[in-house]
Structures are given as C-alpha cells and as structure tokens.
PDB file of N, CA and C in Angstrom:
ATOM      1  N   UNK A   1      89.142  73.733  66.614  1.00  0.00           N
ATOM      2  CA  UNK A   1      90.134  73.118  65.778  1.00  0.00           C
ATOM      3  C   UNK A   1      90.116  71.607  66.040  1.00  0.00           C
ATOM      4  N   UNK A   2      90.244  70.852  64.992  1.00  0.00           N
ATOM      5  CA  UNK A   2      90.203  69.400  65.118  1.00  0.00           C
ATOM      6  C   UNK A   2      91.580  68.841  65.453  1.00  0.00           C
ATOM      7  N   UNK A   3      91.585  67.605  65.852  1.00  0.00           N
ATOM      8  CA  UNK A   3      92.827  66.927  66.214  1.00  0.00           C
ATOM      9  C   UNK A   3      93.586  66.542  64.942  1.00  0.00           C
ATOM     10  N   UNK A   4      94.906  66.598  65.003  1.00  0.00           N
ATOM     11  CA  UNK A   4      95.734  66.248  63.853  1.00  0.00           C
ATOM     12  C   UNK A   4      95.517  64.791  63.455  1.00  0.00           C
ATOM     13  N   UNK A   5      95.523  64.540  62.158  1.00  0.00           N
ATOM     14  CA  UNK A   5      95.288  63.196  61.641  1.00  0.00           C
ATOM     15  C   UNK A   5      96.436  62.265  62.024  1.00  0.00           C
ATOM     16  N   UNK A   6      97.651  62.768  62.023  1.00  0.00           N
ATOM     17  CA  UNK A   6      98.794  61.908  62.322  1.00  0.00           C
ATOM     18  C   UNK A   6      98.803  61.444  63.771  1.00  0.00           C
ATOM     19  N   UNK A   7      98.124  62.152  64.660  1.00  0.00           N
ATOM     20  CA  UNK A   7      98.047  61.739  66.069  1.00  0.00           C
ATOM     21  C   UNK A   7      97.053  60.597  66.253  1.00  0.00           C
ATOM     22  N   UNK A   8      96.050  60.537  65.428  1.00  0.00           N
ATOM     23  CA  UNK A   8      95.020  59.515  65.576  1.00  0.00           C
ATOM     24  C   UNK A   8      93.942  59.962  66.551  1.00  0.00           C
ATOM     25  N   UNK A   9      92.860  59.192  66.671  1.00  0.00           N
ATOM     26  CA  UNK A   9      91.766  59.587  67.566  1.00  0.00           C
ATOM     27  C   UNK A   9      92.167  59.426  69.026  1.00  0.00           C
ATOM     28  N   UNK A  10      91.649  60.315  69.883  1.00  0.00           N
ATOM     29  CA  UNK A  10      91.934  60.215  71.306  1.00  0.00           C
ATOM     30  C   UNK A  10      90.993  59.206  71.940  1.00  0.00           C
ATOM     31  N   UNK A  11      91.563  58.310  72.734  1.00  0.00           N
ATOM     32  CA  UNK A  11      90.776  57.309  73.452  1.00  0.00           C
ATOM     33  C   UNK A  11      91.501  57.004  74.761  1.00  0.00           C
ATOM     34  N   UNK A  12      90.773  57.015  75.872  1.00  0.00           N
ATOM     35  CA  UNK A  12      91.378  56.647  77.146  1.00  0.00           C
ATOM     36  C   UNK A  12      91.719  55.164  77.138  1.00  0.00           C
ATOM     37  N   UNK A  13      92.867  54.807  77.712  1.00  0.00           N
ATOM     38  CA  UNK A  13      93.360  53.425  77.689  1.00  0.00           C
ATOM     39  C   UNK A  13      92.440  52.435  78.366  1.00  0.00           C
ATOM     40  N   UNK A  14      91.848  52.850  79.484  1.00  0.00           N
ATOM     41  CA  UNK A  14      90.991  51.909  80.213  1.00  0.00           C
ATOM     42  C   UNK A  14      89.738  51.554  79.422  1.00  0.00           C
ATOM     43  N   UNK A  15      89.351  52.416  78.503  1.00  0.00           N
ATOM     44  CA  UNK A  15      88.160  52.167  77.702  1.00  0.00           C
ATOM     45  C   UNK A  15      88.368  50.990  76.748  1.00  0.00           C
ATOM     46  N   UNK A  16      89.534  50.915  76.151  1.00  0.00           N
ATOM     47  CA  UNK A  16      89.836  49.793  75.255  1.00  0.00           C
ATOM     48  C   UNK A  16      89.853  48.471  76.020  1.00  0.00           C
ATOM     49  N   UNK A  17      90.403  48.493  77.240  1.00  0.00           N
ATOM     50  CA  UNK A  17      90.446  47.268  78.045  1.00  0.00           C
ATOM     51  C   UNK A  17      89.043  46.800  78.405  1.00  0.00           C
ATOM     52  N   UNK A  18      88.178  47.748  78.782  1.00  0.00           N
ATOM     53  CA  UNK A  18      86.804  47.381  79.139  1.00  0.00           C
ATOM     54  C   UNK A  18      86.040  46.853  77.933  1.00  0.00           C
ATOM     55  N   UNK A  19      86.249  47.460  76.752  1.00  0.00           N
ATOM     56  CA  UNK A  19      85.555  47.025  75.540  1.00  0.00           C
ATOM     57  C   UNK A  19      86.008  45.622  75.125  1.00  0.00           C
ATOM     58  N   UNK A  20      87.298  45.352  75.227  1.00  0.00           N
ATOM     59  CA  UNK A  20      87.808  44.023  74.862  1.00  0.00           C
ATOM     60  C   UNK A  20      87.286  42.958  75.822  1.00  0.00           C
ATOM     61  N   UNK A  21      87.191  43.296  77.103  1.00  0.00           N
ATOM     62  CA  UNK A  21      86.666  42.343  78.090  1.00  0.00           C
ATOM     63  C   UNK A  21      85.190  42.059  77.826  1.00  0.00           C
ATOM     64  N   UNK A  22      84.447  43.086  77.421  1.00  0.00           N
ATOM     65  CA  UNK A  22      83.021  42.911  77.122  1.00  0.00           C
ATOM     66  C   UNK A  22      82.832  42.086  75.850  1.00  0.00           C
ATOM     67  N   UNK A  23      83.704  42.277  74.874  1.00  0.00           N
ATOM     68  CA  UNK A  23      83.618  41.493  73.631  1.00  0.00           C
ATOM     69  C   UNK A  23      83.918  40.017  73.903  1.00  0.00           C
ATOM     70  N   UNK A  24      84.849  39.768  74.820  1.00  0.00           N
ATOM     71  CA  UNK A  24      85.233  38.390  75.141  1.00  0.00           C
ATOM     72  C   UNK A  24      84.136  37.632  75.863  1.00  0.00           C
ATOM     73  N   UNK A  25      83.391  38.318  76.703  1.00  0.00           N
ATOM     74  CA  UNK A  25      82.290  37.658  77.414  1.00  0.00           C
ATOM     75  C   UNK A  25      81.019  37.767  76.584  1.00  0.00           C
ATOM     76  N   UNK A  26      80.100  36.865  76.812  1.00  0.00           N
ATOM     77  CA  UNK A  26      78.862  36.873  76.034  1.00  0.00           C
ATOM     78  C   UNK A  26      77.768  37.707  76.706  1.00  0.00           C
ATOM     79  N   UNK A  27      78.075  38.301  77.863  1.00  0.00           N
ATOM     80  CA  UNK A  27      77.082  39.087  78.593  1.00  0.00           C
ATOM     81  C   UNK A  27      76.887  40.449  77.936  1.00  0.00           C
ATOM     82  N   UNK A  28      75.698  40.965  78.014  1.00  0.00           N
ATOM     83  CA  UNK A  28      75.363  42.259  77.418  1.00  0.00           C
ATOM     84  C   UNK A  28      75.205  43.319  78.508  1.00  0.00           C
ATOM     85  N   UNK A  29      76.206  43.478  79.345  1.00  0.00           N
ATOM     86  CA  UNK A  29      76.157  44.463  80.415  1.00  0.00           C
ATOM     87  C   UNK A  29      76.482  45.857  79.880  1.00  0.00           C
ATOM     88  N   UNK A  30      76.021  46.869  80.626  1.00  0.00           N
ATOM     89  CA  UNK A  30      76.350  48.251  80.301  1.00  0.00           C
ATOM     90  C   UNK A  30      77.736  48.536  80.874  1.00  0.00           C
ATOM     91  N   UNK A  31      78.616  49.080  80.042  1.00  0.00           N
ATOM     92  CA  UNK A  31      79.971  49.410  80.464  1.00  0.00           C
ATOM     93  C   UNK A  31      79.961  50.854  80.952  1.00  0.00           C
ATOM     94  N   UNK A  32      80.140  51.059  82.255  1.00  0.00           N
ATOM     95  CA  UNK A  32      80.118  52.412  82.809  1.00  0.00           C
ATOM     96  C   UNK A  32      81.441  53.117  82.509  1.00  0.00           C
ATOM     97  N   UNK A  33      81.323  54.316  81.909  1.00  0.00           N
ATOM     98  CA  UNK A  33      82.525  55.101  81.601  1.00  0.00           C
ATOM     99  C   UNK A  33      82.300  56.546  82.030  1.00  0.00           C
ATOM    100  N   UNK A  34      83.407  57.226  82.280  1.00  0.00           N
ATOM    101  CA  UNK A  34      83.367  58.641  82.648  1.00  0.00           C
ATOM    102  C   UNK A  34      84.059  59.496  81.600  1.00  0.00           C
ATOM    103  N   UNK A  35      84.633  58.874  80.601  1.00  0.00           N
ATOM    104  CA  UNK A  35      85.398  59.586  79.585  1.00  0.00           C
ATOM    105  C   UNK A  35      84.487  60.041  78.453  1.00  0.00           C
ATOM    106  N   UNK A  36      83.942  61.251  78.592  1.00  0.00           N
ATOM    107  CA  UNK A  36      83.089  61.816  77.547  1.00  0.00           C
ATOM    108  C   UNK A  36      83.913  62.316  76.367  1.00  0.00           C
ATOM    109  N   UNK A  37      85.213  62.533  76.583  1.00  0.00           N
ATOM    110  CA  UNK A  37      86.084  63.112  75.557  1.00  0.00           C
ATOM    111  C   UNK A  37      86.641  62.083  74.588  1.00  0.00           C
ATOM    112  N   UNK A  38      86.463  60.803  74.872  1.00  0.00           N
ATOM    113  CA  UNK A  38      87.026  59.752  74.020  1.00  0.00           C
ATOM    114  C   UNK A  38      86.216  59.594  72.736  1.00  0.00           C
ATOM    115  N   UNK A  39      86.933  59.257  71.669  1.00  0.00           N
ATOM    116  CA  UNK A  39      86.319  59.054  70.361  1.00  0.00           C
ATOM    117  C   UNK A  39      85.787  57.627  70.255  1.00  0.00           C
ATOM    118  N   UNK A  40      84.661  57.484  69.575  1.00  0.00           N
ATOM    119  CA  UNK A  40      84.066  56.158  69.368  1.00  0.00           C
ATOM    120  C   UNK A  40      84.793  55.468  68.211  1.00  0.00           C
ATOM    121  N   UNK A  41      85.264  54.261  68.465  1.00  0.00           N
ATOM    122  CA  UNK A  41      86.010  53.480  67.472  1.00  0.00           C
ATOM    123  C   UNK A  41      85.141  52.365  66.898  1.00  0.00           C
ATOM    124  N   UNK A  42      85.532  51.804  65.747  1.00  0.00           N
ATOM    125  CA  UNK A  42      84.757  50.704  65.156  1.00  0.00           C
ATOM    126  C   UNK A  42      84.678  49.462  66.054  1.00  0.00           C
ATOM    127  N   UNK A  43      85.636  49.277  66.977  1.00  0.00           N
ATOM    128  CA  UNK A  43      85.603  48.124  67.873  1.00  0.00           C
ATOM    129  C   UNK A  43      84.440  48.200  68.860  1.00  0.00           C
ATOM    130  N   UNK A  44      83.858  49.372  69.050  1.00  0.00           N
ATOM    131  CA  UNK A  44      82.800  49.566  70.034  1.00  0.00           C
ATOM    132  C   UNK A  44      81.396  49.308  69.489  1.00  0.00           C
ATOM    133  N   UNK A  45      81.258  49.074  68.176  1.00  0.00           N
ATOM    134  CA  UNK A  45      79.938  48.894  67.567  1.00  0.00           C
ATOM    135  C   UNK A  45      79.260  47.666  68.168  1.00  0.00           C
ATOM    136  N   UNK A  46      78.031  47.852  68.602  1.00  0.00           N
ATOM    137  CA  UNK A  46      77.255  46.767  69.186  1.00  0.00           C
ATOM    138  C   UNK A  46      77.313  46.725  70.704  1.00  0.00           C
ATOM    139  N   UNK A  47      78.222  47.464  71.314  1.00  0.00           N
ATOM    140  CA  UNK A  47      78.340  47.497  72.771  1.00  0.00           C
ATOM    141  C   UNK A  47      77.489  48.641  73.339  1.00  0.00           C
ATOM    142  N   UNK A  48      77.094  48.499  74.589  1.00  0.00           N
ATOM    143  CA  UNK A  48      76.329  49.546  75.265  1.00  0.00           C
ATOM    144  C   UNK A  48      77.198  50.149  76.362  1.00  0.00           C
ATOM    145  N   UNK A  49      77.404  51.458  76.269  1.00  0.00           N
ATOM    146  CA  UNK A  49      78.202  52.181  77.250  1.00  0.00           C
ATOM    147  C   UNK A  49      77.277  53.054  78.088  1.00  0.00           C
ATOM    148  N   UNK A  50      77.554  53.119  79.376  1.00  0.00           N
ATOM    149  CA  UNK A  50      76.853  54.036  80.264  1.00  0.00           C
ATOM    150  C   UNK A  50      77.708  55.279  80.409  1.00  0.00           C
ATOM    151  N   UNK A  51      77.381  56.337  79.655  1.00  0.00           N
ATOM    152  CA  UNK A  51      78.186  57.553  79.642  1.00  0.00           C
ATOM    153  C   UNK A  51      77.704  58.475  80.760  1.00  0.00           C
ATOM    154  N   UNK A  52      78.618  58.896  81.613  1.00  0.00           N
ATOM    155  CA  UNK A  52      78.284  59.725  82.777  1.00  0.00           C
ATOM    156  C   UNK A  52      78.042  61.166  82.337  1.00  0.00           C
ATOM    157  N   UNK A  53      76.914  61.748  82.794  1.00  0.00           N
ATOM    158  CA  UNK A  53      76.609  63.132  82.420  1.00  0.00           C
ATOM    159  C   UNK A  53      76.737  64.093  83.597  1.00  0.00           C
ATOM    160  N   UNK A  54      77.382  63.650  84.670  1.00  0.00           N
ATOM    161  CA  UNK A  54      77.549  64.481  85.846  1.00  0.00           C
ATOM    162  C   UNK A  54      76.567  64.137  86.940  1.00  0.00           C
ATOM    163  N   UNK A  55      75.555  63.350  86.609  1.00  0.00           N
ATOM    164  CA  UNK A  55      74.536  62.978  87.582  1.00  0.00           C
ATOM    165  C   UNK A  55      74.275  61.471  87.572  1.00  0.00           C
ATOM    166  N   UNK A  56      74.183  60.915  86.367  1.00  0.00           N
ATOM    167  CA  UNK A  56      73.915  59.489  86.235  1.00  0.00           C
ATOM    168  C   UNK A  56      74.527  58.982  84.931  1.00  0.00           C
ATOM    169  N   UNK A  57      74.537  57.679  84.764  1.00  0.00           N
ATOM    170  CA  UNK A  57      75.068  57.065  83.544  1.00  0.00           C
ATOM    171  C   UNK A  57      73.925  56.867  82.550  1.00  0.00           C
ATOM    172  N   UNK A  58      74.062  57.441  81.375  1.00  0.00           N
ATOM    173  CA  UNK A  58      73.065  57.331  80.303  1.00  0.00           C
ATOM    174  C   UNK A  58      73.486  56.183  79.389  1.00  0.00           C
ATOM    175  N   UNK A  59      72.644  55.140  79.216  1.00  0.00           N
ATOM    176  CA  UNK A  59      73.032  54.034  78.336  1.00  0.00           C
ATOM    177  C   UNK A  59      73.005  54.458  76.860  1.00  0.00           C
ATOM    178  N   UNK A  60      74.102  54.175  76.168  1.00  0.00           N
ATOM    179  CA  UNK A  60      74.241  54.529  74.753  1.00  0.00           C
ATOM    180  C   UNK A  60      74.652  53.278  73.992  1.00  0.00           C
ATOM    181  N   UNK A  61      73.799  52.804  73.076  1.00  0.00           N
ATOM    182  CA  UNK A  61      74.122  51.665  72.214  1.00  0.00           C
ATOM    183  C   UNK A  61      74.878  52.204  71.002  1.00  0.00           C
ATOM    184  N   UNK A  62      76.068  51.732  70.784  1.00  0.00           N
ATOM    185  CA  UNK A  62      76.928  52.239  69.720  1.00  0.00           C
ATOM    186  C   UNK A  62      76.549  51.598  68.388  1.00  0.00           C
ATOM    187  N   UNK A  63      76.318  52.442  67.389  1.00  0.00           N
ATOM    188  CA  UNK A  63      76.019  51.992  66.023  1.00  0.00           C
ATOM    189  C   UNK A  63      77.123  52.476  65.089  1.00  0.00           C
ATOM    190  N   UNK A  64      77.069  52.058  63.845  1.00  0.00           N
ATOM    191  CA  UNK A  64      78.096  52.433  62.871  1.00  0.00           C
ATOM    192  C   UNK A  64      78.089  53.930  62.570  1.00  0.00           C
ATOM    193  N   UNK A  65      76.929  54.570  62.691  1.00  0.00           N
ATOM    194  CA  UNK A  65      76.838  56.002  62.402  1.00  0.00           C
ATOM    195  C   UNK A  65      77.563  56.859  63.441  1.00  0.00           C
ATOM    196  N   UNK A  66      77.844  56.304  64.607  1.00  0.00           N
ATOM    197  CA  UNK A  66      78.472  57.056  65.702  1.00  0.00           C
ATOM    198  C   UNK A  66      79.996  57.047  65.641  1.00  0.00           C
ATOM    199  N   UNK A  67      80.583  56.270  64.771  1.00  0.00           N
ATOM    200  CA  UNK A  67      82.042  56.161  64.691  1.00  0.00           C
ATOM    201  C   UNK A  67      82.628  57.526  64.333  1.00  0.00           C
ATOM    202  N   UNK A  68      83.641  57.926  65.096  1.00  0.00           N
ATOM    203  CA  UNK A  68      84.294  59.208  64.865  1.00  0.00           C
ATOM    204  C   UNK A  68      83.772  60.321  65.746  1.00  0.00           C
ATOM    205  N   UNK A  69      82.620  60.122  66.365  1.00  0.00           N
ATOM    206  CA  UNK A  69      82.072  61.123  67.274  1.00  0.00           C
ATOM    207  C   UNK A  69      82.602  60.871  68.682  1.00  0.00           C
ATOM    208  N   UNK A  70      82.304  61.798  69.586  1.00  0.00           N
ATOM    209  CA  UNK A  70      82.723  61.648  70.983  1.00  0.00           C
ATOM    210  C   UNK A  70      81.568  61.059  71.796  1.00  0.00           C
ATOM    211  N   UNK A  71      81.896  60.366  72.894  1.00  0.00           N
ATOM    212  CA  UNK A  71      80.869  59.782  73.749  1.00  0.00           C
ATOM    213  C   UNK A  71      79.970  60.858  74.358  1.00  0.00           C
ATOM    214  N   UNK A  72      80.538  61.999  74.677  1.00  0.00           N
ATOM    215  CA  UNK A  72      79.781  63.072  75.316  1.00  0.00           C
ATOM    216  C   UNK A  72      78.670  63.643  74.465  1.00  0.00           C
ATOM    217  N   UNK A  73      78.738  63.452  73.158  1.00  0.00           N
ATOM    218  CA  UNK A  73      77.701  63.971  72.264  1.00  0.00           C
ATOM    219  C   UNK A  73      76.368  63.250  72.445  1.00  0.00           C
ATOM    220  N   UNK A  74      76.408  62.048  72.998  1.00  0.00           N
ATOM    221  CA  UNK A  74      75.205  61.233  73.109  1.00  0.00           C
ATOM    222  C   UNK A  74      74.680  61.148  74.541  1.00  0.00           C
ATOM    223  N   UNK A  75      75.237  61.962  75.425  1.00  0.00           N
ATOM    224  CA  UNK A  75      74.807  61.993  76.817  1.00  0.00           C
ATOM    225  C   UNK A  75      74.676  63.451  77.253  1.00  0.00           C
ATOM    226  N   UNK A  76      73.502  64.059  77.053  1.00  0.00           N
ATOM    227  CA  UNK A  76      73.358  65.488  77.361  1.00  0.00           C
ATOM    228  C   UNK A  76      73.505  65.763  78.858  1.00  0.00           C
ATOM    229  N   UNK A  77      74.131  66.883  79.188  1.00  0.00           N
ATOM    230  CA  UNK A  77      74.357  67.245  80.575  1.00  0.00           C
ATOM    231  C   UNK A  77      73.281  68.172  81.111  1.00  0.00           C
ATOM    232  N   UNK A  78      72.496  68.759  80.252  1.00  0.00           N
ATOM    233  CA  UNK A  78      71.437  69.672  80.672  1.00  0.00           C
ATOM    234  C   UNK A  78      70.087  69.132  80.220  1.00  0.00           C
ATOM    235  N   UNK A  79      69.061  69.397  81.024  1.00  0.00           N
ATOM    236  CA  UNK A  79      67.714  68.929  80.702  1.00  0.00           C
ATOM    237  C   UNK A  79      66.846  70.138  80.415  1.00  0.00           C
ATOM    238  N   UNK A  80      66.296  70.211  79.206  1.00  0.00           N
ATOM    239  CA  UNK A  80      65.398  71.293  78.832  1.00  0.00           C
ATOM    240  C   UNK A  80      63.991  70.897  79.236  1.00  0.00           C
ATOM    241  N   UNK A  81      63.413  71.631  80.152  1.00  0.00           N
ATOM    242  CA  UNK A  81      62.082  71.314  80.667  1.00  0.00           C
ATOM    243  C   UNK A  81      60.988  72.096  79.959  1.00  0.00           C
ATOM    244  N   UNK A  82      61.316  72.875  78.988  1.00  0.00           N
ATOM    245  CA  UNK A  82      60.328  73.647  78.244  1.00  0.00           C
ATOM    246  C   UNK A  82      60.181  75.042  78.798  1.00  0.00           C
ATOM    247  N   UNK A  83      59.571  75.899  78.015  1.00  0.00           N
ATOM    248  CA  UNK A  83      59.337  77.255  78.461  1.00  0.00           C
ATOM    249  C   UNK A  83      58.119  77.281  79.373  1.00  0.00           C
ATOM    250  N   UNK A  84      58.142  78.178  80.333  1.00  0.00           N
ATOM    251  CA  UNK A  84      57.051  78.285  81.286  1.00  0.00           C
ATOM    252  C   UNK A  84      55.790  78.749  80.570  1.00  0.00           C
ATOM    253  N   UNK A  85      54.672  78.103  80.849  1.00  0.00           N
ATOM    254  CA  UNK A  85      53.418  78.460  80.188  1.00  0.00           C
ATOM    255  C   UNK A  85      52.566  79.378  81.045  1.00  0.00           C
ATOM    256  N   UNK A  86      53.015  79.718  82.266  1.00  0.00           N
ATOM    257  CA  UNK A  86      52.196  80.546  83.138  1.00  0.00           C
ATOM    258  C   UNK A  86      52.474  82.041  82.971  1.00  0.00           C
ATOM    259  N   UNK A  87      53.381  82.419  82.090  1.00  0.00           N
ATOM    260  CA  UNK A  87      53.641  83.836  81.850  1.00  0.00           C
ATOM    261  C   UNK A  87      52.471  84.437  81.077  1.00  0.00           C
ATOM    262  N   UNK A  88      52.062  85.617  81.506  1.00  0.00           N
ATOM    263  CA  UNK A  88      50.961  86.292  80.834  1.00  0.00           C
ATOM    264  C   UNK A  88      51.483  87.091  79.647  1.00  0.00           C
ATOM    265  N   UNK A  89      50.664  87.233  78.652  1.00  0.00           N
ATOM    266  CA  UNK A  89      51.037  88.007  77.487  1.00  0.00           C
ATOM    267  C   UNK A  89      50.874  89.472  77.851  1.00  0.00           C
ATOM    268  N   UNK A  90      51.933  90.251  77.669  1.00  0.00           N
ATOM    269  CA  UNK A  90      51.860  91.672  77.990  1.00  0.00           C
ATOM    270  C   UNK A  90      51.513  92.447  76.739  1.00  0.00           C
ATOM    271  N   UNK A  91      50.817  93.552  76.931  1.00  0.00           N
ATOM    272  CA  UNK A  91      50.431  94.399  75.815  1.00  0.00           C
ATOM    273  C   UNK A  91      51.583  95.310  75.454  1.00  0.00           C
ATOM    274  N   UNK A  92      51.707  95.604  74.186  1.00  0.00           N
ATOM    275  CA  UNK A  92      52.762  96.497  73.728  1.00  0.00           C
ATOM    276  C   UNK A  92      52.469  97.941  74.099  1.00  0.00           C
ATOM    277  N   UNK A  93      53.398  98.834  73.796  1.00  0.00           N
ATOM    278  CA  UNK A  93      53.254 100.255  74.131  1.00  0.00           C
ATOM    279  C   UNK A  93      52.038 100.879  73.441  1.00  0.00           C
ATOM    280  N   UNK A  94      51.838 100.617  72.176  1.00  0.00           N
ATOM    281  CA  UNK A  94      50.781 101.272  71.422  1.00  0.00           C
ATOM    282  C   UNK A  94      49.466 100.501  71.422  1.00  0.00           C
ATOM    283  N   UNK A  95      49.400  99.348  72.048  1.00  0.00           N
ATOM    284  CA  UNK A  95      48.183  98.539  72.020  1.00  0.00           C
ATOM    285  C   UNK A  95      47.171  99.073  73.029  1.00  0.00           C
ATOM    286  N   UNK A  96      45.916  99.002  72.672  1.00  0.00           N
ATOM    287  CA  UNK A  96      44.850  99.473  73.559  1.00  0.00           C
ATOM    288  C   UNK A  96      44.490  98.359  74.537  1.00  0.00           C
ATOM    289  N   UNK A  97      44.105  98.740  75.765  1.00  0.00           N
ATOM    290  CA  UNK A  97      43.707  97.771  76.772  1.00  0.00           C
ATOM    291  C   UNK A  97      42.327  97.238  76.437  1.00  0.00           C
ATOM    292  N   UNK A  98      42.040  95.981  76.744  1.00  0.00           N
ATOM    293  CA  UNK A  98      40.710  95.448  76.477  1.00  0.00           C
ATOM    294  C   UNK A  98      39.668  96.166  77.321  1.00  0.00           C
ATOM    295  N   UNK A  99      38.468  96.305  76.780  1.00  0.00           N
ATOM    296  CA  UNK A  99      37.405  97.048  77.455  1.00  0.00           C
ATOM    297  C   UNK A  99      36.947  96.329  78.722  1.00  0.00           C
ATOM    298  N   UNK A 100      36.965  95.008  78.759  1.00  0.00           N
ATOM    299  CA  UNK A 100      36.489  94.269  79.924  1.00  0.00           C
ATOM    300  C   UNK A 100      37.468  94.360  81.088  1.00  0.00           C
ATOM    301  N   UNK A 101      38.731  94.712  80.835  1.00  0.00           N
ATOM    302  CA  UNK A 101      39.732  94.750  81.886  1.00  0.00           C
ATOM    303  C   UNK A 101      39.558  95.960  82.794  1.00  0.00           C
ATOM    304  N   UNK A 102      39.065  97.069  82.272  1.00  0.00           N
ATOM    305  CA  UNK A 102      38.924  98.286  83.076  1.00  0.00           C
ATOM    306  C   UNK A 102      37.506  98.340  83.650  1.00  0.00           C
ATOM    307  N   UNK A 103      37.415  98.362  84.971  1.00  0.00           N
ATOM    308  CA  UNK A 103      36.119  98.462  85.641  1.00  0.00           C
ATOM    309  C   UNK A 103      35.722  99.935  85.709  1.00  0.00           C
ATOM    310  N   UNK A 104      34.424 100.243  85.561  1.00  0.00           N
ATOM    311  CA  UNK A 104      34.008 101.646  85.624  1.00  0.00           C
ATOM    312  C   UNK A 104      34.267 102.216  87.017  1.00  0.00           C
ATOM    313  N   UNK A 105      34.871 103.394  87.071  1.00  0.00           N
ATOM    314  CA  UNK A 105      35.143 104.065  88.332  1.00  0.00           C
ATOM    315  C   UNK A 105      36.435 103.643  88.988  1.00  0.00           C
ATOM    316  N   UNK A 106      37.159 102.697  88.417  1.00  0.00           N
ATOM    317  CA  UNK A 106      38.410 102.240  89.009  1.00  0.00           C
ATOM    318  C   UNK A 106      39.556 103.118  88.525  1.00  0.00           C
ATOM    319  N   UNK A 107      40.551 103.279  89.372  1.00  0.00           N
ATOM    320  CA  UNK A 107      41.714 104.083  89.000  1.00  0.00           C
ATOM    321  C   UNK A 107      42.560 103.300  88.002  1.00  0.00           C
ATOM    322  N   UNK A 108      43.129 104.002  87.017  1.00  0.00           N
ATOM    323  CA  UNK A 108      43.979 103.299  86.041  1.00  0.00           C
ATOM    324  C   UNK A 108      45.244 102.774  86.712  1.00  0.00           C
ATOM    325  N   UNK A 109      45.690 101.616  86.242  1.00  0.00           N
ATOM    326  CA  UNK A 109      46.893 101.004  86.792  1.00  0.00           C
ATOM    327  C   UNK A 109      48.126 101.608  86.134  1.00  0.00           C
ATOM    328  N   UNK A 110      49.183 101.751  86.925  1.00  0.00           N
ATOM    329  CA  UNK A 110      50.426 102.295  86.410  1.00  0.00           C
ATOM    330  C   UNK A 110      51.165 101.199  85.629  1.00  0.00           C
ATOM    331  N   UNK A 111      51.964 101.615  84.684  1.00  0.00           N
ATOM    332  CA  UNK A 111      52.762 100.670  83.902  1.00  0.00           C
ATOM    333  C   UNK A 111      53.846 100.068  84.799  1.00  0.00           C
ATOM    334  N   UNK A 112      54.251  98.830  84.549  1.00  0.00           N
ATOM    335  CA  UNK A 112      55.304  98.229  85.372  1.00  0.00           C
ATOM    336  C   UNK A 112      56.601  99.033  85.237  1.00  0.00           C
ATOM    337  N   UNK A 113      57.224  99.332  86.378  1.00  0.00           N
ATOM    338  CA  UNK A 113      58.480 100.073  86.368  1.00  0.00           C
ATOM    339  C   UNK A 113      58.289 101.579  86.417  1.00  0.00           C
ATOM    340  N   UNK A 114      57.046 102.048  86.362  1.00  0.00           N
ATOM    341  CA  UNK A 114      56.809 103.488  86.395  1.00  0.00           C
ATOM    342  C   UNK A 114      56.894 103.962  87.836  1.00  0.00           C
ATOM    343  N   UNK A 115      57.285 105.211  88.000  1.00  0.00           N
ATOM    344  CA  UNK A 115      57.400 105.794  89.348  1.00  0.00           C
ATOM    345  C   UNK A 115      56.011 106.016  89.916  1.00  0.00           C
ATOM    346  N   UNK A 116      55.815 105.737  91.226  1.00  0.00           N
ATOM    347  CA  UNK A 116      54.490 105.941  91.818  1.00  0.00           C
ATOM    348  C   UNK A 116      54.161 107.423  91.931  1.00  0.00           C
ATOM    349  N   UNK A 117      52.888 107.732  91.745  1.00  0.00           N
ATOM    350  CA  UNK A 117      52.449 109.131  91.829  1.00  0.00           C
ATOM    351  C   UNK A 117      52.245 109.506  93.307  1.00  0.00           C
ATOM    352  N   UNK A 118      52.526 110.774  93.603  1.00  0.00           N
ATOM    353  CA  UNK A 118      52.299 111.269  94.961  1.00  0.00           C
ATOM    354  C   UNK A 118      50.805 111.492  95.157  1.00  0.00           C
ATOM    355  N   UNK A 119      50.269 111.235  96.371  1.00  0.00           N
ATOM    356  CA  UNK A 119      48.839 111.438  96.582  1.00  0.00           C
ATOM    357  C   UNK A 119      48.456 112.911  96.430  1.00  0.00           C
ATOM    358  N   UNK A 120      47.320 113.135  95.801  1.00  0.00           N
ATOM    359  CA  UNK A 120      46.806 114.490  95.596  1.00  0.00           C
ATOM    360  C   UNK A 120      47.332 115.167  94.359  1.00  0.00           C
ATOM    361  N   UNK A 121      48.099 114.542  93.553  1.00  0.00           N
ATOM    362  CA  UNK A 121      48.585 115.209  92.353  1.00  0.00           C
ATOM    363  C   UNK A 121      47.986 114.630  91.108  1.00  0.00           C
TER     364      UNK A 121
END
C-alpha cells in the first residue's frame, strides 16, 4: 500500500539539512546517508548520495527520472554472482546412458538416492 497523498513524501530531516549544505558549497562530495526509506525529492537532482547497503556506501547520482522513488531502490543489498557452471547435467529417468560411459565388464552404477544392494544378491 502506498503512502497517503495528504501526508506527503517521507524524508528523514537530517537528509534535507545535508542536501542544503551540499547545495550551498561548490564541492562535489558524496553525501553519506543511511536512510534507504527516504523519498528522492526534486531538490536532490544533481547531487551524489552514498546510500548504505549494509556493507558499504554505493554512490548514486540523482537524476530527474529518480524523483519519487526511494534511495534504497538504487543500492542493492544482495550480489548475484551467477549460477554455478560446475554442475553436471543429469540424465532423466527415461534417457539412455551414453555408450562411452559404461566400460565393458564394469558393474552398473546405482541411481543417486537408491538403497545399496546386499552382497551376493
């Protein structure tokens, strides 16, 4: 559910003070913030905020397209490293085993999870 329009956008008070101080100075420093829940306002356009993701501050340059969104949307907290490529492709139930995989005279391998056979049976 979204926030009521009559309440206005949520913004932490210290964030407005930091943004006004940055606008007053001519320096282009990154403003470190921890408030991921605050809404981006038009006064923030052109400023760079370092949004904390739980580990480090991610620099986010605010543009006009970001107005109305939350700071946390632009600082991901999880890193997707990709799917593991070392997993082997398993054969389905009805698929035949490749001929080169079975050595002549070798005992057949049991399916994963199958109960071991007793010797001599």
